[in-house]
C-alpha atoms as a PDB file:
ATOM      1  CA  MET A   1    -134.288-150.610 -48.296  1.00  0.00           C
ATOM      2  CA  THR A   2    -136.787-153.251 -48.772  1.00  0.00           C
ATOM      3  CA  LYS A   3    -137.943-152.354 -52.268  1.00  0.00           C
ATOM      4  CA  ASN A   4    -134.240-153.256 -53.203  1.00  0.00           C
ATOM      5  CA  LYS A   5    -134.340-156.424 -51.159  1.00  0.00           C
ATOM      6  CA  PHE A   6    -137.221-158.084 -53.250  1.00  0.00           C
ATOM      7  CA  ILE A   7    -136.873-158.687 -56.749  1.00  0.00           C
ATOM      8  CA  THR A   8    -139.949-158.136 -58.879  1.00  0.00           C
ATOM      9  CA  PHE A   9    -141.273-160.670 -60.726  1.00  0.00           C
ATOM     10  CA  GLU A  10    -141.211-158.554 -63.863  1.00  0.00           C
ATOM     11  CA  GLU A  11    -137.404-158.183 -63.587  1.00  0.00           C
ATOM     12  CA  VAL A  12    -137.152-162.133 -63.126  1.00  0.00           C
ATOM     13  CA  TYR A  13    -139.098-162.804 -65.767  1.00  0.00           C
ATOM     14  CA  GLU A  14    -137.633-160.279 -68.307  1.00  0.00           C
ATOM     15  CA  LYS A  15    -134.225-161.752 -67.499  1.00  0.00           C
ATOM     16  CA  LYS A  16    -135.653-165.464 -67.996  1.00  0.00           C
ATOM     17  CA  GLN A  17    -136.850-164.254 -71.263  1.00  0.00           C
ATOM     18  CA  ARG A  18    -133.688-162.892 -72.227  1.00  0.00           C
ATOM     19  CA  SER A  19    -131.819-165.599 -71.351  1.00  0.00           C
ATOM     20  CA  LYS A  20    -134.208-167.801 -73.366  1.00  0.00           C
ATOM     21  CA  LYS A  21    -133.752-165.558 -76.437  1.00  0.00           C
ATOM     22  CA  ILE A  22    -130.063-165.935 -76.140  1.00  0.00           C
ATOM     23  CA  PHE A  23    -130.230-169.711 -75.715  1.00  0.00           C
ATOM     24  CA  ILE A  24    -132.223-170.136 -78.376  1.00  0.00           C
ATOM     25  CA  GLY A  25    -129.993-167.909 -81.021  1.00  0.00           C
ATOM     26  CA  THR A  26    -127.231-169.441 -80.089  1.00  0.00           C
ATOM     27  CA  TYR A  27    -128.901-172.974 -80.653  1.00  0.00           C
ATOM     28  CA  ILE A  28    -130.340-172.334 -83.985  1.00  0.00           C
ATOM     29  CA  THR A  29    -126.479-170.707 -85.146  1.00  0.00           C
ATOM     30  CA  ILE A  30    -124.812-173.622 -84.006  1.00  0.00           C
ATOM     31  CA  SER A  31    -127.245-176.130 -85.798  1.00  0.00           C
ATOM     32  CA  LEU A  32    -127.276-174.070 -88.936  1.00  0.00           C
ATOM     33  CA  VAL A  33    -123.192-174.111 -88.610  1.00  0.00           C
ATOM     34  CA  LEU A  34    -123.428-177.904 -88.149  1.00  0.00           C
ATOM     35  CA  ILE A  35    -125.775-178.356 -91.357  1.00  0.00           C
ATOM     36  CA  SER A  36    -123.994-176.264 -93.896  1.00  0.00           C
ATOM     37  CA  LEU A  37    -120.759-177.860 -92.797  1.00  0.00           C
ATOM     38  CA  MET A  38    -122.496-181.261 -93.587  1.00  0.00           C
ATOM     39  CA  THR A  39    -123.844-180.399 -96.676  1.00  0.00           C
ATOM     40  CA  TYR A  40    -120.613-178.736 -97.458  1.00  0.00           C
ATOM     41  CA  PHE A  41    -118.658-182.313 -96.843  1.00  0.00           C
ATOM     42  CA  MET A  42    -121.657-184.244 -98.686  1.00  0.00           C
ATOM     43  CA  GLY A  43    -121.073-182.371-101.798  1.00  0.00           C
ATOM     44  CA  LYS A  44    -117.425-183.034-101.412  1.00  0.00           C
ATOM     45  CA  SER A  45    -117.232-186.348-101.410  1.00  0.00           C
END
């Protein structure tokens, strides 16, 4: 009972690390897409 009540520090840390990785991944993907779009339109004009 008490074991389930308390979430271990490691679990919280792992969740934070995972969400951070996902956030960084999406950020890099979005920036790459934006850069490619910018270069594409710059090359067109």
